[in-house]
Amino acid sequence: NIFSDEEKGISDSLRYFVGGILEHVDAMTAFFNPTTNSYKRLVPGHEAPVFKSWGVANRTALIRVPGYEKKARIEYRAADGATNIYFAKALLLAAGLDGIRKKIEPIPPTTKNVEKLTSEERKEMGITQLPSDLNEALDFMEKSQFIQEVLGKEVVDIYLDVK
């Protein structure tokens, strides 16, 4: 498992993979939360994480690494039931691999309840919020060179037309 490390628990590859996802997540949100109603559950204080964070065994983080370092894997926790799993898997893998390739360092992992942090604490930790509605997510997606490279300009244009 390239995500685990005997000495550190989680590997550099896992960290970079998470870094890639956090780097591109604003643009990917339009695919993970593809309807106007998707954003009714993406509000602070509800069950779905809305802040761009990660942590080991932290259920309040957007990206969770379950507490089994030897079986290290990640969970992306904000996608909803309307998500097209093919787009989601393609984008998560591409973003993670981009992170590994470019050695994108994520913000530090947190064990804190991200929802209970003050806005000042989140700011100090480098934690920002996901797009708050579909239009904002679509704007990020439309401007993303990464999304166009992964899915192709034609797919992006059609997706925007449909939305």
C-alpha atoms as a PDB file:
ATOM      1  CA  ASN A   1       0.000   0.000   0.000  1.00  0.00           C
ATOM      2  CA  ILE A   2       1.755   3.169  -1.171  1.00  0.00           C
ATOM      3  CA  PHE A   3      -0.341   5.225   1.247  1.00  0.00           C
ATOM      4  CA  SER A   4       1.140   3.654   4.388  1.00  0.00           C
ATOM      5  CA  ASP A   5       4.602   4.072   5.863  1.00  0.00           C
ATOM      6  CA  GLU A   6       6.090   1.861   8.584  1.00  0.00           C
ATOM      7  CA  GLU A   7       7.695   4.765  10.458  1.00  0.00           C
ATOM      8  CA  LYS A   8       5.316   7.698   9.887  1.00  0.00           C
ATOM      9  CA  GLY A   9       2.052   5.784   9.572  1.00  0.00           C
ATOM     10  CA  ILE A  10       0.929   7.587   6.443  1.00  0.00           C
ATOM     11  CA  SER A  11       3.229   8.029   3.486  1.00  0.00           C
ATOM     12  CA  ASP A  12       4.361  11.097   1.595  1.00  0.00           C
ATOM     13  CA  SER A  13       2.369   9.750  -1.362  1.00  0.00           C
ATOM     14  CA  LEU A  14      -0.842   9.870   0.677  1.00  0.00           C
ATOM     15  CA  ARG A  15      -0.084  13.420   1.807  1.00  0.00           C
ATOM     16  CA  TYR A  16       0.578  14.551  -1.762  1.00  0.00           C
ATOM     17  CA  PHE A  17      -2.536  12.714  -2.984  1.00  0.00           C
ATOM     18  CA  VAL A  18      -4.602  14.634  -0.432  1.00  0.00           C
ATOM     19  CA  GLY A  19      -2.792  17.830  -1.434  1.00  0.00           C
ATOM     20  CA  GLY A  20      -3.854  17.335  -5.039  1.00  0.00           C
ATOM     21  CA  ILE A  21      -7.479  16.802  -4.094  1.00  0.00           C
ATOM     22  CA  LEU A  22      -7.528  19.875  -1.859  1.00  0.00           C
ATOM     23  CA  GLU A  23      -5.848  21.876  -4.642  1.00  0.00           C
ATOM     24  CA  HIS A  24      -8.573  21.033  -7.176  1.00  0.00           C
ATOM     25  CA  VAL A  25     -11.634  20.439  -4.982  1.00  0.00           C
ATOM     26  CA  ASP A  26     -13.354  23.771  -5.667  1.00  0.00           C
ATOM     27  CA  ALA A  27     -13.495  22.956  -9.383  1.00  0.00           C
ATOM     28  CA  MET A  28     -14.503  19.329  -8.754  1.00  0.00           C
ATOM     29  CA  THR A  29     -17.369  20.256  -6.428  1.00  0.00           C
ATOM     30  CA  ALA A  30     -19.706  20.883  -9.388  1.00  0.00           C
ATOM     31  CA  PHE A  31     -19.406  17.151 -10.143  1.00  0.00           C
ATOM     32  CA  PHE A  32     -19.538  15.912  -6.529  1.00  0.00           C
ATOM     33  CA  ASN A  33     -22.569  18.091  -5.749  1.00  0.00           C
ATOM     34  CA  PRO A  34     -24.279  18.486  -9.129  1.00  0.00           C
ATOM     35  CA  THR A  35     -27.702  19.871  -8.203  1.00  0.00           C
ATOM     36  CA  THR A  36     -29.024  23.006  -6.562  1.00  0.00           C
ATOM     37  CA  ASN A  37     -30.404  20.836  -3.764  1.00  0.00           C
ATOM     38  CA  SER A  38     -26.938  19.362  -3.158  1.00  0.00           C
ATOM     39  CA  TYR A  39     -25.936  22.609  -1.488  1.00  0.00           C
ATOM     40  CA  LYS A  40     -28.787  22.494   1.019  1.00  0.00           C
ATOM     41  CA  ARG A  41     -26.792  19.869   2.913  1.00  0.00           C
ATOM     42  CA  LEU A  42     -23.460  21.628   2.394  1.00  0.00           C
ATOM     43  CA  VAL A  43     -23.883  24.168   5.156  1.00  0.00           C
ATOM     44  CA  PRO A  44     -21.804  24.497   8.305  1.00  0.00           C
ATOM     45  CA  GLY A  45     -23.176  22.467  11.189  1.00  0.00           C
ATOM     46  CA  HIS A  46     -24.863  19.770   9.110  1.00  0.00           C
ATOM     47  CA  GLU A  47     -23.523  16.255   8.586  1.00  0.00           C
ATOM     48  CA  ALA A  48     -21.586  16.799   5.353  1.00  0.00           C
ATOM     49  CA  PRO A  49     -18.200  18.518   5.700  1.00  0.00           C
ATOM     50  CA  VAL A  50     -18.012  21.940   4.044  1.00  0.00           C
ATOM     51  CA  PHE A  51     -14.509  22.993   5.028  1.00  0.00           C
ATOM     52  CA  LYS A  52     -11.444  21.955   3.023  1.00  0.00           C
ATOM     53  CA  SER A  53      -9.549  19.926   5.590  1.00  0.00           C
ATOM     54  CA  TRP A  54      -8.210  16.453   6.211  1.00  0.00           C
ATOM     55  CA  GLY A  55      -7.307  14.279   9.134  1.00  0.00           C
ATOM     56  CA  VAL A  56      -6.725  10.769  10.414  1.00  0.00           C
ATOM     57  CA  ALA A  57      -9.899   9.274  11.918  1.00  0.00           C
ATOM     58  CA  ASN A  58     -11.554  12.703  11.822  1.00  0.00           C
ATOM     59  CA  ARG A  59     -15.181  12.467  10.705  1.00  0.00           C
ATOM     60  CA  THR A  60     -15.524  16.253  10.507  1.00  0.00           C
ATOM     61  CA  ALA A  61     -12.792  16.572   7.865  1.00  0.00           C
ATOM     62  CA  LEU A  62     -13.568  16.729   4.148  1.00  0.00           C
ATOM     63  CA  ILE A  63     -10.960  14.048   3.493  1.00  0.00           C
ATOM     64  CA  ARG A  64     -10.737  11.362   6.144  1.00  0.00           C
ATOM     65  CA  VAL A  65      -7.942   8.846   6.521  1.00  0.00           C
ATOM     66  CA  PRO A  66      -9.454   6.043   8.619  1.00  0.00           C
ATOM     67  CA  GLY A  67      -7.332   5.277  11.661  1.00  0.00           C
ATOM     68  CA  TYR A  68      -5.660   2.206  10.208  1.00  0.00           C
ATOM     69  CA  GLU A  69      -2.271   3.394   9.024  1.00  0.00           C
ATOM     70  CA  LYS A  70      -1.245  -0.015   7.673  1.00  0.00           C
ATOM     71  CA  LYS A  71      -4.386  -0.073   5.561  1.00  0.00           C
ATOM     72  CA  ALA A  72      -4.238   3.642   4.767  1.00  0.00           C
ATOM     73  CA  ARG A  73      -6.833   4.914   2.337  1.00  0.00           C
ATOM     74  CA  ILE A  74      -8.888   8.062   1.970  1.00  0.00           C
ATOM     75  CA  GLU A  75     -12.569   8.916   2.097  1.00  0.00           C
ATOM     76  CA  TYR A  76     -13.939  11.988   0.346  1.00  0.00           C
ATOM     77  CA  ARG A  77     -16.926  12.900   2.503  1.00  0.00           C
ATOM     78  CA  ALA A  78     -18.893  15.689   0.777  1.00  0.00           C
ATOM     79  CA  ALA A  79     -20.146  13.996  -2.403  1.00  0.00           C
ATOM     80  CA  ASP A  80     -23.876  13.324  -2.481  1.00  0.00           C
ATOM     81  CA  GLY A  81     -26.185  10.706  -3.969  1.00  0.00           C
ATOM     82  CA  ALA A  82     -26.595  12.613  -7.240  1.00  0.00           C
ATOM     83  CA  THR A  83     -22.873  12.324  -7.962  1.00  0.00           C
ATOM     84  CA  ASN A  84     -21.897  10.602 -11.186  1.00  0.00           C
ATOM     85  CA  ILE A  85     -19.471   8.018  -9.806  1.00  0.00           C
ATOM     86  CA  TYR A  86     -17.502   7.843 -13.051  1.00  0.00           C
ATOM     87  CA  PHE A  87     -16.770  11.571 -13.030  1.00  0.00           C
ATOM     88  CA  ALA A  88     -16.068  11.442  -9.291  1.00  0.00           C
ATOM     89  CA  LYS A  89     -13.601   8.563  -9.486  1.00  0.00           C
ATOM     90  CA  ALA A  90     -11.836  10.003 -12.535  1.00  0.00           C
ATOM     91  CA  LEU A  91     -11.487  13.421 -10.922  1.00  0.00           C
ATOM     92  CA  LEU A  92     -10.392  12.152  -7.504  1.00  0.00           C
ATOM     93  CA  LEU A  93      -7.759   9.887  -9.039  1.00  0.00           C
ATOM     94  CA  ALA A  94      -6.522  12.573 -11.441  1.00  0.00           C
ATOM     95  CA  ALA A  95      -6.331  15.195  -8.678  1.00  0.00           C
ATOM     96  CA  GLY A  96      -4.560  12.808  -6.319  1.00  0.00           C
ATOM     97  CA  LEU A  97      -2.071  11.731  -8.963  1.00  0.00           C
ATOM     98  CA  ASP A  98      -1.478  15.388  -9.862  1.00  0.00           C
ATOM     99  CA  GLY A  99      -0.691  15.967  -6.201  1.00  0.00           C
ATOM    100  CA  ILE A 100       1.789  13.079  -6.156  1.00  0.00           C
ATOM    101  CA  ARG A 101       3.396  14.168  -9.433  1.00  0.00           C
ATOM    102  CA  LYS A 102       3.768  17.802  -8.294  1.00  0.00           C
ATOM    103  CA  LYS A 103       4.405  16.939  -4.617  1.00  0.00           C
ATOM    104  CA  ILE A 104       1.596  19.239  -3.504  1.00  0.00           C
ATOM    105  CA  GLU A 105       1.794  19.614   0.270  1.00  0.00           C
ATOM    106  CA  PRO A 106      -1.640  19.793   1.862  1.00  0.00           C
ATOM    107  CA  ILE A 107      -2.461  21.901   4.865  1.00  0.00           C
ATOM    108  CA  PRO A 108      -1.571  20.028   8.076  1.00  0.00           C
ATOM    109  CA  PRO A 109      -4.020  17.296   9.111  1.00  0.00           C
ATOM    110  CA  THR A 110      -6.304  18.070  12.004  1.00  0.00           C
ATOM    111  CA  THR A 111      -7.815  16.026  14.794  1.00  0.00           C
ATOM    112  CA  LYS A 112     -10.069  18.905  15.820  1.00  0.00           C
ATOM    113  CA  ASN A 113     -13.774  19.148  15.077  1.00  0.00           C
ATOM    114  CA  VAL A 114     -13.534  21.446  12.054  1.00  0.00           C
ATOM    115  CA  GLU A 115     -17.165  22.512  12.388  1.00  0.00           C
ATOM    116  CA  LYS A 116     -16.577  23.824  15.908  1.00  0.00           C
ATOM    117  CA  LEU A 117     -13.516  25.910  15.033  1.00  0.00           C
ATOM    118  CA  THR A 118     -13.964  29.659  14.848  1.00  0.00           C
ATOM    119  CA  SER A 119     -13.433  31.349  11.489  1.00  0.00           C
ATOM    120  CA  GLU A 120     -10.178  32.771  12.904  1.00  0.00           C
ATOM    121  CA  GLU A 121      -8.945  29.304  13.905  1.00  0.00           C
ATOM    122  CA  ARG A 122      -9.817  27.909  10.474  1.00  0.00           C
ATOM    123  CA  LYS A 123      -8.024  30.811   8.800  1.00  0.00           C
ATOM    124  CA  GLU A 124      -4.891  30.198  10.907  1.00  0.00           C
ATOM    125  CA  MET A 125      -4.992  26.521   9.896  1.00  0.00           C
ATOM    126  CA  GLY A 126      -5.441  27.334   6.184  1.00  0.00           C
ATOM    127  CA  ILE A 127      -8.935  25.813   6.120  1.00  0.00           C
ATOM    128  CA  THR A 128     -11.385  27.408   3.693  1.00  0.00           C
ATOM    129  CA  GLN A 129     -14.943  26.575   2.687  1.00  0.00           C
ATOM    130  CA  LEU A 130     -16.179  24.667  -0.355  1.00  0.00           C
ATOM    131  CA  PRO A 131     -18.294  26.540  -2.912  1.00  0.00           C
ATOM    132  CA  SER A 132     -21.612  27.373  -1.277  1.00  0.00           C
ATOM    133  CA  ASP A 133     -23.874  26.904  -4.296  1.00  0.00           C
ATOM    134  CA  LEU A 134     -23.931  25.276  -7.719  1.00  0.00           C
ATOM    135  CA  ASN A 135     -23.251  28.511  -9.613  1.00  0.00           C
ATOM    136  CA  GLU A 136     -20.099  29.157  -7.602  1.00  0.00           C
ATOM    137  CA  ALA A 137     -18.946  25.565  -8.151  1.00  0.00           C
ATOM    138  CA  LEU A 138     -19.653  25.830 -11.889  1.00  0.00           C
ATOM    139  CA  ASP A 139     -17.614  29.059 -12.050  1.00  0.00           C
ATOM    140  CA  PHE A 140     -14.639  27.264 -10.482  1.00  0.00           C
ATOM    141  CA  MET A 141     -15.117  24.327 -12.851  1.00  0.00           C
ATOM    142  CA  GLU A 142     -15.325  26.527 -15.951  1.00  0.00           C
ATOM    143  CA  LYS A 143     -12.068  28.316 -15.068  1.00  0.00           C
ATOM    144  CA  SER A 144     -10.186  25.123 -14.218  1.00  0.00           C
ATOM    145  CA  GLN A 145      -7.539  24.033 -16.688  1.00  0.00           C
ATOM    146  CA  PHE A 146      -7.233  20.833 -14.649  1.00  0.00           C
ATOM    147  CA  ILE A 147     -10.893  19.843 -15.219  1.00  0.00           C
ATOM    148  CA  GLN A 148     -10.597  20.525 -18.948  1.00  0.00           C
ATOM    149  CA  GLU A 149      -7.437  18.415 -19.163  1.00  0.00           C
ATOM    150  CA  VAL A 150      -8.989  15.495 -17.279  1.00  0.00           C
ATOM    151  CA  LEU A 151     -12.469  15.445 -18.839  1.00  0.00           C
ATOM    152  CA  GLY A 152     -11.923  17.367 -22.063  1.00  0.00           C
ATOM    153  CA  LYS A 153     -13.272  20.749 -23.111  1.00  0.00           C
ATOM    154  CA  GLU A 154     -16.250  19.207 -24.910  1.00  0.00           C
ATOM    155  CA  VAL A 155     -17.447  17.404 -21.763  1.00  0.00           C
ATOM    156  CA  VAL A 156     -17.022  20.575 -19.698  1.00  0.00           C
ATOM    157  CA  ASP A 157     -18.957  22.642 -22.265  1.00  0.00           C
ATOM    158  CA  ILE A 158     -21.801  20.106 -22.408  1.00  0.00           C
ATOM    159  CA  TYR A 159     -21.911  19.868 -18.607  1.00  0.00           C
ATOM    160  CA  LEU A 160     -22.161  23.655 -18.354  1.00  0.00           C
ATOM    161  CA  ASP A 161     -24.920  23.739 -20.992  1.00  0.00           C
ATOM    162  CA  VAL A 162     -26.929  21.115 -19.109  1.00  0.00           C
ATOM    163  CA  LYS A 163     -26.526  22.928 -15.791  1.00  0.00           C
END
